[in-house]
Amino acid sequence: FTFSNYAMSWYRQTPGKERELVTTMSSTGSSTNYADSVKD
């Protein structure tokens, strides 16, 4: 697929728990966000 047109995210999951959004980056890399637990 056209990678440069897609925002990308990382999630994590522990057995028995729901999948958690860790971080996201926009398609150009100009914008990011992080879960509070992983900031810094």
Full PDB file with SEQRES, HELIX, SHEET, SSBOND, CRYST1, ORIGX, SCALE, CONECT and MASTER records, all heavy atoms in Angstrom:
SEQRES   1 A   40  PHE THR PHE SER ASN TYR ALA MET SER TRP TYR ARG GLN          
SEQRES   2 A   40  THR PRO GLY LYS GLU ARG GLU LEU VAL THR THR MET SER          
SEQRES   3 A   40  SER THR GLY SER SER THR ASN TYR ALA ASP SER VAL LYS          
SEQRES   4 A   40  ASP                                                          
HELIX    1 AA1 PHE A    3  ASN A    5  5                                   3    
SHEET    1 AA1 3 MET A   8  ARG A  12  0                                        
SHEET    2 AA1 3 GLU A  20  MET A  25 -1                                        
SHEET    3 AA1 3 THR A  32  TYR A  34 -1                                        
CRYST1    1.000    1.000    1.000  90.00  90.00  90.00 P 1           1          
ORIGX1      1.000000  0.000000  0.000000        0.00000                         
ORIGX2      0.000000  1.000000  0.000000        0.00000                         
ORIGX3      0.000000  0.000000  1.000000        0.00000                         
SCALE1      1.000000  0.000000  0.000000        0.00000                         
SCALE2      0.000000  1.000000  0.000000        0.00000                         
SCALE3      0.000000  0.000000  1.000000        0.00000                         
ATOM      1  N   PHE A   1       0.850  -1.188   0.000  1.00  0.00           N  
ATOM      2  CA  PHE A   1       0.000   0.000   0.000  1.00  0.00           C  
ATOM      3  C   PHE A   1       0.882   1.232   0.000  1.00  0.00           C  
ATOM      4  O   PHE A   1       2.100   1.136   0.191  1.00  0.00           O  
ATOM      5  CB  PHE A   1      -0.976  -0.001   1.181  1.00  0.00           C  
ATOM      6  CG  PHE A   1      -0.318   0.097   2.528  1.00  0.00           C  
ATOM      7  CD1 PHE A   1      -0.243   1.304   3.207  1.00  0.00           C  
ATOM      8  CD2 PHE A   1       0.231  -1.024   3.130  1.00  0.00           C  
ATOM      9  CE1 PHE A   1       0.355   1.390   4.453  1.00  0.00           C  
ATOM     10  CE2 PHE A   1       0.839  -0.950   4.382  1.00  0.00           C  
ATOM     11  CZ  PHE A   1       0.894   0.264   5.038  1.00  0.00           C  
ATOM     12  N   THR A   2       0.263   2.396  -0.207  1.00  0.00           N  
ATOM     13  CA  THR A   2       1.021   3.639  -0.279  1.00  0.00           C  
ATOM     14  C   THR A   2       1.305   4.134   1.130  1.00  0.00           C  
ATOM     15  O   THR A   2       0.532   4.901   1.710  1.00  0.00           O  
ATOM     16  CB  THR A   2       0.269   4.690  -1.094  1.00  0.00           C  
ATOM     17  OG1 THR A   2      -0.080   4.157  -2.371  1.00  0.00           O  
ATOM     18  CG2 THR A   2       1.146   5.924  -1.301  1.00  0.00           C  
ATOM     19  N   PHE A   3       2.424   3.696   1.656  1.00  0.00           N  
ATOM     20  CA  PHE A   3       2.782   3.949   3.046  1.00  0.00           C  
ATOM     21  C   PHE A   3       2.731   5.433   3.401  1.00  0.00           C  
ATOM     22  O   PHE A   3       2.253   5.805   4.483  1.00  0.00           O  
ATOM     23  CB  PHE A   3       4.178   3.378   3.300  1.00  0.00           C  
ATOM     24  CG  PHE A   3       4.698   3.595   4.690  1.00  0.00           C  
ATOM     25  CD1 PHE A   3       4.309   2.766   5.728  1.00  0.00           C  
ATOM     26  CD2 PHE A   3       5.590   4.620   4.956  1.00  0.00           C  
ATOM     27  CE1 PHE A   3       4.791   2.951   7.009  1.00  0.00           C  
ATOM     28  CE2 PHE A   3       6.089   4.819   6.237  1.00  0.00           C  
ATOM     29  CZ  PHE A   3       5.680   3.980   7.264  1.00  0.00           C  
ATOM     30  N   SER A   4       3.211   6.286   2.524  1.00  0.00           N  
ATOM     31  CA  SER A   4       3.310   7.715   2.821  1.00  0.00           C  
ATOM     32  C   SER A   4       1.956   8.395   2.978  1.00  0.00           C  
ATOM     33  O   SER A   4       1.895   9.529   3.462  1.00  0.00           O  
ATOM     34  CB  SER A   4       4.120   8.430   1.740  1.00  0.00           C  
ATOM     35  OG  SER A   4       3.502   8.292   0.475  1.00  0.00           O  
ATOM     36  N   ASN A   5       0.875   7.741   2.592  1.00  0.00           N  
ATOM     37  CA  ASN A   5      -0.464   8.302   2.735  1.00  0.00           C  
ATOM     38  C   ASN A   5      -1.166   7.853   4.015  1.00  0.00           C  
ATOM     39  O   ASN A   5      -2.313   8.241   4.244  1.00  0.00           O  
ATOM     40  CB  ASN A   5      -1.338   7.921   1.542  1.00  0.00           C  
ATOM     41  CG  ASN A   5      -0.924   8.627   0.267  1.00  0.00           C  
ATOM     42  OD1 ASN A   5      -0.222   9.634   0.296  1.00  0.00           O  
ATOM     43  ND2 ASN A   5      -1.366   8.106  -0.868  1.00  0.00           N  
ATOM     44  N   TYR A   6      -0.501   7.067   4.833  1.00  0.00           N  
ATOM     45  CA  TYR A   6      -1.130   6.478   6.002  1.00  0.00           C  
ATOM     46  C   TYR A   6      -0.517   6.980   7.293  1.00  0.00           C  
ATOM     47  O   TYR A   6       0.716   7.057   7.430  1.00  0.00           O  
ATOM     48  CB  TYR A   6      -0.994   4.945   5.962  1.00  0.00           C  
ATOM     49  CG  TYR A   6      -1.954   4.280   5.016  1.00  0.00           C  
ATOM     50  CD1 TYR A   6      -1.800   4.393   3.647  1.00  0.00           C  
ATOM     51  CD2 TYR A   6      -3.023   3.530   5.508  1.00  0.00           C  
ATOM     52  CE1 TYR A   6      -2.688   3.786   2.781  1.00  0.00           C  
ATOM     53  CE2 TYR A   6      -3.906   2.916   4.648  1.00  0.00           C  
ATOM     54  CZ  TYR A   6      -3.739   3.046   3.285  1.00  0.00           C  
ATOM     55  OH  TYR A   6      -4.615   2.433   2.422  1.00  0.00           O  
ATOM     56  N   ALA A   7      -1.373   7.307   8.240  1.00  0.00           N  
ATOM     57  CA  ALA A   7      -0.920   7.483   9.608  1.00  0.00           C  
ATOM     58  C   ALA A   7      -0.535   6.118  10.170  1.00  0.00           C  
ATOM     59  O   ALA A   7      -1.098   5.094   9.785  1.00  0.00           O  
ATOM     60  CB  ALA A   7      -2.014   8.118  10.463  1.00  0.00           C  
ATOM     61  N   MET A   8       0.430   6.115  11.072  1.00  0.00           N  
ATOM     62  CA  MET A   8       0.900   4.869  11.659  1.00  0.00           C  
ATOM     63  C   MET A   8       0.788   4.927  13.170  1.00  0.00           C  
ATOM     64  O   MET A   8       1.054   5.965  13.785  1.00  0.00           O  
ATOM     65  CB  MET A   8       2.353   4.604  11.262  1.00  0.00           C  
ATOM     66  CG  MET A   8       2.582   4.487   9.757  1.00  0.00           C  
ATOM     67  SD  MET A   8       1.691   3.095   9.009  1.00  0.00           S  
ATOM     68  CE  MET A   8       2.452   1.699   9.853  1.00  0.00           C  
ATOM     69  N   SER A   9       0.403   3.812  13.748  1.00  0.00           N  
ATOM     70  CA  SER A   9       0.240   3.717  15.190  1.00  0.00           C  
ATOM     71  C   SER A   9       0.926   2.467  15.716  1.00  0.00           C  
ATOM     72  O   SER A   9       1.097   1.483  14.997  1.00  0.00           O  
ATOM     73  CB  SER A   9      -1.236   3.659  15.584  1.00  0.00           C  
ATOM     74  OG  SER A   9      -1.920   4.836  15.225  1.00  0.00           O  
ATOM     75  N   TRP A  10       1.287   2.534  16.989  1.00  0.00           N  
ATOM     76  CA  TRP A  10       1.709   1.367  17.736  1.00  0.00           C  
ATOM     77  C   TRP A  10       0.700   1.113  18.851  1.00  0.00           C  
ATOM     78  O   TRP A  10       0.318   2.045  19.565  1.00  0.00           O  
ATOM     79  CB  TRP A  10       3.098   1.550  18.344  1.00  0.00           C  
ATOM     80  CG  TRP A  10       4.220   1.512  17.360  1.00  0.00           C  
ATOM     81  CD1 TRP A  10       4.828   2.571  16.759  1.00  0.00           C  
ATOM     82  CD2 TRP A  10       4.875   0.341  16.864  1.00  0.00           C  
ATOM     83  NE1 TRP A  10       5.824   2.144  15.923  1.00  0.00           N  
ATOM     84  CE2 TRP A  10       5.879   0.775  15.966  1.00  0.00           C  
ATOM     85  CE3 TRP A  10       4.722  -1.027  17.094  1.00  0.00           C  
ATOM     86  CZ2 TRP A  10       6.718  -0.115  15.289  1.00  0.00           C  
ATOM     87  CZ3 TRP A  10       5.556  -1.909  16.423  1.00  0.00           C  
ATOM     88  CH2 TRP A  10       6.531  -1.450  15.541  1.00  0.00           C  
ATOM     89  N   TYR A  11       0.290  -0.138  18.970  1.00  0.00           N  
ATOM     90  CA  TYR A  11      -0.558  -0.605  20.051  1.00  0.00           C  
ATOM     91  C   TYR A  11       0.184  -1.679  20.819  1.00  0.00           C  
ATOM     92  O   TYR A  11       1.147  -2.274  20.322  1.00  0.00           O  
ATOM     93  CB  TYR A  11      -1.860  -1.203  19.516  1.00  0.00           C  
ATOM     94  CG  TYR A  11      -2.864  -0.221  18.964  1.00  0.00           C  
ATOM     95  CD1 TYR A  11      -2.670   0.405  17.739  1.00  0.00           C  
ATOM     96  CD2 TYR A  11      -4.034   0.066  19.663  1.00  0.00           C  
ATOM     97  CE1 TYR A  11      -3.597   1.293  17.226  1.00  0.00           C  
ATOM     98  CE2 TYR A  11      -4.975   0.948  19.159  1.00  0.00           C  
ATOM     99  CZ  TYR A  11      -4.751   1.552  17.936  1.00  0.00           C  
ATOM    100  OH  TYR A  11      -5.689   2.426  17.436  1.00  0.00           O  
ATOM    101  N   ARG A  12      -0.282  -1.952  22.020  1.00  0.00           N  
ATOM    102  CA  ARG A  12       0.252  -3.079  22.768  1.00  0.00           C  
ATOM    103  C   ARG A  12      -0.881  -3.796  23.489  1.00  0.00           C  
ATOM    104  O   ARG A  12      -1.908  -3.200  23.801  1.00  0.00           O  
ATOM    105  CB  ARG A  12       1.326  -2.652  23.763  1.00  0.00           C  
ATOM    106  CG  ARG A  12       0.845  -1.764  24.902  1.00  0.00           C  
ATOM    107  CD  ARG A  12       2.037  -1.267  25.714  1.00  0.00           C  
ATOM    108  NE  ARG A  12       1.626  -0.403  26.809  1.00  0.00           N  
ATOM    109  CZ  ARG A  12       2.457   0.321  27.543  1.00  0.00           C  
ATOM    110  NH1 ARG A  12       3.768   0.290  27.292  1.00  0.00           N  
ATOM    111  NH2 ARG A  12       2.002   1.086  28.536  1.00  0.00           N  
ATOM    112  N   GLN A  13      -0.660  -5.072  23.754  1.00  0.00           N  
ATOM    113  CA  GLN A  13      -1.685  -5.887  24.382  1.00  0.00           C  
ATOM    114  C   GLN A  13      -1.054  -6.941  25.279  1.00  0.00           C  
ATOM    115  O   GLN A  13      -0.095  -7.605  24.887  1.00  0.00           O  
ATOM    116  CB  GLN A  13      -2.550  -6.567  23.325  1.00  0.00           C  
ATOM    117  CG  GLN A  13      -3.746  -7.316  23.889  1.00  0.00           C  
ATOM    118  CD  GLN A  13      -4.717  -7.727  22.815  1.00  0.00           C  
ATOM    119  OE1 GLN A  13      -4.340  -7.905  21.658  1.00  0.00           O  
ATOM    120  NE2 GLN A  13      -5.975  -7.864  23.182  1.00  0.00           N  
ATOM    121  N   THR A  14      -1.598  -7.066  26.471  1.00  0.00           N  
ATOM    122  CA  THR A  14      -1.237  -8.113  27.408  1.00  0.00           C  
ATOM    123  C   THR A  14      -2.408  -9.084  27.487  1.00  0.00           C  
ATOM    124  O   THR A  14      -3.567  -8.645  27.490  1.00  0.00           O  
ATOM    125  CB  THR A  14      -0.936  -7.527  28.791  1.00  0.00           C  
ATOM    126  OG1 THR A  14       0.162  -6.621  28.699  1.00  0.00           O  
ATOM    127  CG2 THR A  14      -0.596  -8.621  29.794  1.00  0.00           C  
ATOM    128  N   PRO A  15      -2.145 -10.396  27.544  1.00  0.00           N  
ATOM    129  CA  PRO A  15      -3.249 -11.351  27.636  1.00  0.00           C  
ATOM    130  C   PRO A  15      -4.230 -10.999  28.745  1.00  0.00           C  
ATOM    131  O   PRO A  15      -3.830 -10.693  29.869  1.00  0.00           O  
ATOM    132  CB  PRO A  15      -2.542 -12.677  27.915  1.00  0.00           C  
ATOM    133  CG  PRO A  15      -1.213 -12.513  27.257  1.00  0.00           C  
ATOM    134  CD  PRO A  15      -0.843 -11.064  27.478  1.00  0.00           C  
ATOM    135  N   GLY A  16      -5.510 -11.010  28.409  1.00  0.00           N  
ATOM    136  CA  GLY A  16      -6.543 -10.666  29.362  1.00  0.00           C  
ATOM    137  C   GLY A  16      -6.876  -9.194  29.436  1.00  0.00           C  
ATOM    138  O   GLY A  16      -7.803  -8.820  30.158  1.00  0.00           O  
ATOM    139  N   LYS A  17      -6.140  -8.359  28.714  1.00  0.00           N  
ATOM    140  CA  LYS A  17      -6.391  -6.932  28.698  1.00  0.00           C  
ATOM    141  C   LYS A  17      -6.703  -6.476  27.275  1.00  0.00           C  
ATOM    142  O   LYS A  17      -6.321  -7.119  26.301  1.00  0.00           O  
ATOM    143  CB  LYS A  17      -5.187  -6.156  29.225  1.00  0.00           C  
ATOM    144  CG  LYS A  17      -4.816  -6.463  30.663  1.00  0.00           C  
ATOM    145  CD  LYS A  17      -3.612  -5.645  31.103  1.00  0.00           C  
ATOM    146  CE  LYS A  17      -3.228  -5.952  32.531  1.00  0.00           C  
ATOM    147  NZ  LYS A  17      -2.021  -5.180  32.946  1.00  0.00           N  
ATOM    148  N   GLU A  18      -7.383  -5.343  27.179  1.00  0.00           N  
ATOM    149  CA  GLU A  18      -7.702  -4.801  25.867  1.00  0.00           C  
ATOM    150  C   GLU A  18      -6.460  -4.201  25.220  1.00  0.00           C  
ATOM    151  O   GLU A  18      -5.508  -3.805  25.900  1.00  0.00           O  
ATOM    152  CB  GLU A  18      -8.806  -3.748  25.972  1.00  0.00           C  
ATOM    153  CG  GLU A  18      -8.397  -2.487  26.702  1.00  0.00           C  
ATOM    154  CD  GLU A  18      -9.522  -1.475  26.798  1.00  0.00           C  
ATOM    155  OE1 GLU A  18     -10.679  -1.851  26.555  1.00  0.00           O  
ATOM    156  OE2 GLU A  18      -9.249  -0.300  27.117  1.00  0.00           O  
ATOM    157  N   ARG A  19      -6.477  -4.153  23.914  1.00  0.00           N  
ATOM    158  CA  ARG A  19      -5.384  -3.550  23.193  1.00  0.00           C  
ATOM    159  C   ARG A  19      -5.347  -2.042  23.445  1.00  0.00           C  
ATOM    160  O   ARG A  19      -6.370  -1.360  23.375  1.00  0.00           O  
ATOM    161  CB  ARG A  19      -5.521  -3.857  21.707  1.00  0.00           C  
ATOM    162  CG  ARG A  19      -4.283  -3.558  20.892  1.00  0.00           C  
ATOM    163  CD  ARG A  19      -4.385  -4.158  19.487  1.00  0.00           C  
ATOM    164  NE  ARG A  19      -4.390  -5.621  19.512  1.00  0.00           N  
ATOM    165  CZ  ARG A  19      -4.356  -6.377  18.426  1.00  0.00           C  
ATOM    166  NH1 ARG A  19      -4.310  -5.824  17.223  1.00  0.00           N  
ATOM    167  NH2 ARG A  19      -4.384  -7.698  18.543  1.00  0.00           N  
ATOM    168  N   GLU A  20      -4.162  -1.522  23.708  1.00  0.00           N  
ATOM    169  CA  GLU A  20      -3.973  -0.138  24.117  1.00  0.00           C  
ATOM    170  C   GLU A  20      -3.209   0.636  23.057  1.00  0.00           C  
ATOM    171  O   GLU A  20      -2.170   0.180  22.575  1.00  0.00           O  
ATOM    172  CB  GLU A  20      -3.205  -0.101  25.446  1.00  0.00           C  
ATOM    173  CG  GLU A  20      -2.790   1.284  25.909  1.00  0.00           C  
ATOM    174  CD  GLU A  20      -1.817   1.247  27.075  1.00  0.00           C  
ATOM    175  OE1 GLU A  20      -1.169   0.203  27.289  1.00  0.00           O  
ATOM    176  OE2 GLU A  20      -1.715   2.265  27.791  1.00  0.00           O  
ATOM    177  N   LEU A  21      -3.708   1.812  22.722  1.00  0.00           N  
ATOM    178  CA  LEU A  21      -2.985   2.696  21.807  1.00  0.00           C  
ATOM    179  C   LEU A  21      -1.799   3.303  22.541  1.00  0.00           C  
ATOM    180  O   LEU A  21      -1.959   3.944  23.579  1.00  0.00           O  
ATOM    181  CB  LEU A  21      -3.903   3.795  21.284  1.00  0.00           C  
ATOM    182  CG  LEU A  21      -3.256   4.860  20.394  1.00  0.00           C  
ATOM    183  CD1 LEU A  21      -2.709   4.245  19.116  1.00  0.00           C  
ATOM    184  CD2 LEU A  21      -4.249   5.970  20.072  1.00  0.00           C  
ATOM    185  N   VAL A  22      -0.614   3.129  21.984  1.00  0.00           N  
ATOM    186  CA  VAL A  22       0.611   3.638  22.580  1.00  0.00           C  
ATOM    187  C   VAL A  22       0.998   4.981  21.987  1.00  0.00           C  
ATOM    188  O   VAL A  22       1.290   5.934  22.714  1.00  0.00           O  
ATOM    189  CB  VAL A  22       1.760   2.628  22.403  1.00  0.00           C  
ATOM    190  CG1 VAL A  22       3.069   3.194  22.945  1.00  0.00           C  
ATOM    191  CG2 VAL A  22       1.423   1.311  23.095  1.00  0.00           C  
ATOM    192  N   THR A  23       1.015   5.056  20.658  1.00  0.00           N  
ATOM    193  CA  THR A  23       1.436   6.275  19.986  1.00  0.00           C  
ATOM    194  C   THR A  23       0.976   6.264  18.540  1.00  0.00           C  
ATOM    195  O   THR A  23       0.759   5.202  17.951  1.00  0.00           O  
ATOM    196  CB  THR A  23       2.971   6.438  20.052  1.00  0.00           C  
ATOM    197  OG1 THR A  23       3.376   7.643  19.403  1.00  0.00           O  
ATOM    198  CG2 THR A  23       3.670   5.248  19.383  1.00  0.00           C  
ATOM    199  N   THR A  24       0.820   7.453  17.976  1.00  0.00           N  
ATOM    200  CA  THR A  24       0.406   7.625  16.596  1.00  0.00           C  
ATOM    201  C   THR A  24       1.227   8.726  15.945  1.00  0.00           C  
ATOM    202  O   THR A  24       1.552   9.729  16.590  1.00  0.00           O  
ATOM    203  CB  THR A  24      -1.087   7.999  16.501  1.00  0.00           C  
ATOM    204  OG1 THR A  24      -1.880   6.941  17.031  1.00  0.00           O  
ATOM    205  CG2 THR A  24      -1.504   8.247  15.055  1.00  0.00           C  
ATOM    206  N   MET A  25       1.535   8.544  14.681  1.00  0.00           N  
ATOM    207  CA  MET A  25       2.204   9.573  13.890  1.00  0.00           C  
ATOM    208  C   MET A  25       1.439   9.774  12.592  1.00  0.00           C  
ATOM    209  O   MET A  25       1.033   8.817  11.933  1.00  0.00           O  
ATOM    210  CB  MET A  25       3.650   9.185  13.599  1.00  0.00           C  
ATOM    211  CG  MET A  25       4.374  10.160  12.663  1.00  0.00           C  
ATOM    212  SD  MET A  25       6.161   9.863  12.570  1.00  0.00           S  
ATOM    213  CE  MET A  25       6.705  10.795  14.010  1.00  0.00           C  
ATOM    214  N   SER A  26       1.265  11.029  12.203  1.00  0.00           N  
ATOM    215  CA  SER A  26       0.585  11.355  10.966  1.00  0.00           C  
ATOM    216  C   SER A  26       1.402  10.880   9.771  1.00  0.00           C  
ATOM    217  O   SER A  26       2.568  10.504   9.884  1.00  0.00           O  
ATOM    218  CB  SER A  26       0.334  12.856  10.867  1.00  0.00           C  
ATOM    219  OG  SER A  26       1.560  13.573  10.850  1.00  0.00           O  
ATOM    220  N   SER A  27       0.767  10.914   8.602  1.00  0.00           N  
ATOM    221  CA  SER A  27       1.403  10.374   7.408  1.00  0.00           C  
ATOM    222  C   SER A  27       2.705  11.077   7.054  1.00  0.00           C  
ATOM    223  O   SER A  27       3.635  10.440   6.552  1.00  0.00           O  
ATOM    224  CB  SER A  27       0.431  10.432   6.226  1.00  0.00           C  
ATOM    225  OG  SER A  27       0.033  11.771   5.963  1.00  0.00           O  
ATOM    226  N   THR A  28       2.768  12.372   7.305  1.00  0.00           N  
ATOM    227  CA  THR A  28       3.971  13.143   6.995  1.00  0.00           C  
ATOM    228  C   THR A  28       4.976  13.174   8.133  1.00  0.00           C  
ATOM    229  O   THR A  28       6.104  13.633   7.948  1.00  0.00           O  
ATOM    230  CB  THR A  28       3.613  14.589   6.634  1.00  0.00           C  
ATOM    231  OG1 THR A  28       3.032  15.233   7.775  1.00  0.00           O  
ATOM    232  CG2 THR A  28       2.638  14.630   5.471  1.00  0.00           C  
ATOM    233  N   GLY A  29       4.571  12.722   9.301  1.00  0.00           N  
ATOM    234  CA  GLY A  29       5.426  12.816  10.466  1.00  0.00           C  
ATOM    235  C   GLY A  29       5.342  14.140  11.187  1.00  0.00           C  
ATOM    236  O   GLY A  29       6.085  14.364  12.146  1.00  0.00           O  
ATOM    237  N   SER A  30       4.435  15.011  10.757  1.00  0.00           N  
ATOM    238  CA  SER A  30       4.340  16.340  11.341  1.00  0.00           C  
ATOM    239  C   SER A  30       3.591  16.370  12.665  1.00  0.00           C  
ATOM    240  O   SER A  30       3.670  17.367  13.391  1.00  0.00           O  
ATOM    241  CB  SER A  30       3.663  17.296  10.358  1.00  0.00           C  
ATOM    242  OG  SER A  30       2.340  16.881  10.080  1.00  0.00           O  
ATOM    243  N   SER A  31       2.863  15.318  12.975  1.00  0.00           N  
ATOM    244  CA  SER A  31       2.060  15.284  14.188  1.00  0.00           C  
ATOM    245  C   SER A  31       2.203  13.933  14.862  1.00  0.00           C  
ATOM    246  O   SER A  31       2.178  12.896  14.196  1.00  0.00           O  
ATOM    247  CB  SER A  31       0.594  15.557  13.863  1.00  0.00           C  
ATOM    248  OG  SER A  31      -0.211  15.501  15.021  1.00  0.00           O  
ATOM    249  N   THR A  32       2.340  13.959  16.181  1.00  0.00           N  
ATOM    250  CA  THR A  32       2.420  12.728  16.969  1.00  0.00           C  
ATOM    251  C   THR A  32       1.593  12.872  18.233  1.00  0.00           C  
ATOM    252  O   THR A  32       1.318  13.977  18.691  1.00  0.00           O  
ATOM    253  CB  THR A  32       3.861  12.392  17.367  1.00  0.00           C  
ATOM    254  OG1 THR A  32       4.404  13.466  18.151  1.00  0.00           O  
ATOM    255  CG2 THR A  32       4.739  12.179  16.143  1.00  0.00           C  
ATOM    256  N   ASN A  33       1.206  11.752  18.800  1.00  0.00           N  
ATOM    257  CA  ASN A  33       0.649  11.744  20.133  1.00  0.00           C  
ATOM    258  C   ASN A  33       1.078  10.465  20.844  1.00  0.00           C  
ATOM    259  O   ASN A  33       1.431   9.476  20.202  1.00  0.00           O  
ATOM    260  CB  ASN A  33      -0.869  11.934  20.146  1.00  0.00           C  
ATOM    261  CG  ASN A  33      -1.627  10.793  19.490  1.00  0.00           C  
ATOM    262  OD1 ASN A  33      -1.056   9.912  18.847  1.00  0.00           O  
ATOM    263  ND2 ASN A  33      -2.942  10.811  19.651  1.00  0.00           N  
ATOM    264  N   TYR A  34       1.033  10.518  22.181  1.00  0.00           N  
ATOM    265  CA  TYR A  34       1.499   9.415  23.006  1.00  0.00           C  
ATOM    266  C   TYR A  34       0.549   9.192  24.159  1.00  0.00           C  
ATOM    267  O   TYR A  34      -0.022  10.137  24.702  1.00  0.00           O  
ATOM    268  CB  TYR A  34       2.886   9.704  23.582  1.00  0.00           C  
ATOM    269  CG  TYR A  34       3.979   9.839  22.559  1.00  0.00           C  
ATOM    270  CD1 TYR A  34       4.278  11.077  21.994  1.00  0.00           C  
ATOM    271  CD2 TYR A  34       4.720   8.736  22.159  1.00  0.00           C  
ATOM    272  CE1 TYR A  34       5.281  11.206  21.052  1.00  0.00           C  
ATOM    273  CE2 TYR A  34       5.726   8.857  21.220  1.00  0.00           C  
ATOM    274  CZ  TYR A  34       6.006  10.089  20.669  1.00  0.00           C  
ATOM    275  OH  TYR A  34       7.010  10.219  19.735  1.00  0.00           O  
ATOM    276  N   ALA A  35       0.412   7.940  24.541  1.00  0.00           N  
ATOM    277  CA  ALA A  35      -0.271   7.643  25.786  1.00  0.00           C  
ATOM    278  C   ALA A  35       0.516   8.246  26.943  1.00  0.00           C  
ATOM    279  O   ALA A  35       1.749   8.304  26.910  1.00  0.00           O  
ATOM    280  CB  ALA A  35      -0.410   6.133  25.978  1.00  0.00           C  
ATOM    281  N   ASP A  36      -0.199   8.697  27.969  1.00  0.00           N  
ATOM    282  CA  ASP A  36       0.478   9.312  29.107  1.00  0.00           C  
ATOM    283  C   ASP A  36       1.516   8.383  29.733  1.00  0.00           C  
ATOM    284  O   ASP A  36       2.550   8.843  30.229  1.00  0.00           O  
ATOM    285  CB  ASP A  36      -0.544   9.720  30.170  1.00  0.00           C  
ATOM    286  CG  ASP A  36      -1.362  10.928  29.768  1.00  0.00           C  
ATOM    287  OD1 ASP A  36      -0.951  11.658  28.843  1.00  0.00           O  
ATOM    288  OD2 ASP A  36      -2.418  11.152  30.389  1.00  0.00           O  
ATOM    289  N   SER A  37       1.252   7.098  29.701  1.00  0.00           N  
ATOM    290  CA  SER A  37       2.135   6.139  30.340  1.00  0.00           C  
ATOM    291  C   SER A  37       3.498   6.016  29.672  1.00  0.00           C  
ATOM    292  O   SER A  37       4.431   5.495  30.277  1.00  0.00           O  
ATOM    293  CB  SER A  37       1.466   4.760  30.393  1.00  0.00           C  
ATOM    294  OG  SER A  37       1.165   4.297  29.086  1.00  0.00           O  
ATOM    295  N   VAL A  38       3.619   6.486  28.425  1.00  0.00           N  
ATOM    296  CA  VAL A  38       4.883   6.342  27.704  1.00  0.00           C  
ATOM    297  C   VAL A  38       5.505   7.671  27.314  1.00  0.00           C  
ATOM    298  O   VAL A  38       6.611   7.687  26.754  1.00  0.00           O  
ATOM    299  CB  VAL A  38       4.724   5.463  26.447  1.00  0.00           C  
ATOM    300  CG1 VAL A  38       4.086   4.130  26.798  1.00  0.00           C  
ATOM    301  CG2 VAL A  38       3.918   6.181  25.369  1.00  0.00           C  
ATOM    302  N   LYS A  39       4.835   8.775  27.605  1.00  0.00           N  
ATOM    303  CA  LYS A  39       5.389  10.085  27.258  1.00  0.00           C  
ATOM    304  C   LYS A  39       6.766  10.271  27.887  1.00  0.00           C  
ATOM    305  O   LYS A  39       6.996   9.910  29.026  1.00  0.00           O  
ATOM    306  CB  LYS A  39       4.454  11.198  27.720  1.00  0.00           C  
ATOM    307  CG  LYS A  39       3.218  11.358  26.863  1.00  0.00           C  
ATOM    308  CD  LYS A  39       2.347  12.498  27.359  1.00  0.00           C  
ATOM    309  CE  LYS A  39       1.126  12.679  26.485  1.00  0.00           C  
ATOM    310  NZ  LYS A  39       0.240  13.744  26.990  1.00  0.00           N  
ATOM    311  N   ASP A  40       7.670  10.840  27.125  1.00  0.00           N  
ATOM    312  CA  ASP A  40       9.046  11.128  27.529  1.00  0.00           C  
ATOM    313  C   ASP A  40       9.918   9.887  27.608  1.00  0.00           C  
ATOM    314  O   ASP A  40      11.099   9.991  27.970  1.00  0.00           O  
ATOM    315  CB  ASP A  40       9.098  11.891  28.857  1.00  0.00           C  
ATOM    316  CG  ASP A  40       8.329  13.193  28.814  1.00  0.00           C  
ATOM    317  OD1 ASP A  40       8.420  13.907  27.797  1.00  0.00           O  
ATOM    318  OD2 ASP A  40       7.636  13.503  29.805  1.00  0.00           O  
TER     319      ASP A  40                                                      
MASTER        0    0    0    1    3    0    0    6  318    1    0    4          
END                                                                             
